[in-house]
Amino acid sequence: MVIQVKDVMVKPLLTIDISKTAKHAGEILRRTRRDSLIVTKNGKPVGIVTDTDLIKKIVAKNLLPSKVKIKKIMASPLVVISADASILDASRKMKRNNIKRLVVVDGKKLIGVVSLSDIARSSPEVIDLLEFKLHSKEMPTEIKEKFTFGICEGCDNYSVDLENVNGQWLCEACREEAEA
């Protein structure tokens, strides 16, 4: 079962007008217990401001939040993803863009926000598997069998025909690719 972005996103979207101040944004974030606001200009989305933006661009620089306009600290343009996309696609897009949240769209309509935290909360079993994989790589491997079954370390697919090649358990397709 593929978990889709719409299954884990936070909605509804909270917005703030581009003419407002950082103080106003901070008040909304505190009151709503959210970590981001969509910045609008004449009702149209133009950017995003996060609690991290407030910390790094206002607090860390000892600026007065009531004097700094949202326009000066927002990130723009918005990076969006379809509500029907998988959370794997969302996490890859965040990594590619070096961001922690995406605005979720249904067609051209903005409907929510998905963050790395939302994805992590939705998949605790995936985190357990990653921890196991990391731990197993730290343990010395004693090879007793030439062939086995499990997850191929080349393509991450399950195989009943894994062979150890240079310290990696590879399926037949990955072994052929490695030889080529």
Foldseek 3Di string as FASTA:
>chain_A
DFAFQLNQFDDDAAADEQAAWQVVVVVVCVVVVHFKHFYDYPRHGFFMAGPVLCCPVDVVVVHDRRPHTNNVRTDDDAAEDERGHGVVVVVVVCVVVVHFKHFYDHVNHTGGMDGPVSVCVVCVVVVVVVVVVVVVVVDDDDDDDQFAWDAFPVPRDTDRGWGQDPNGTHHPVVVVVVVD
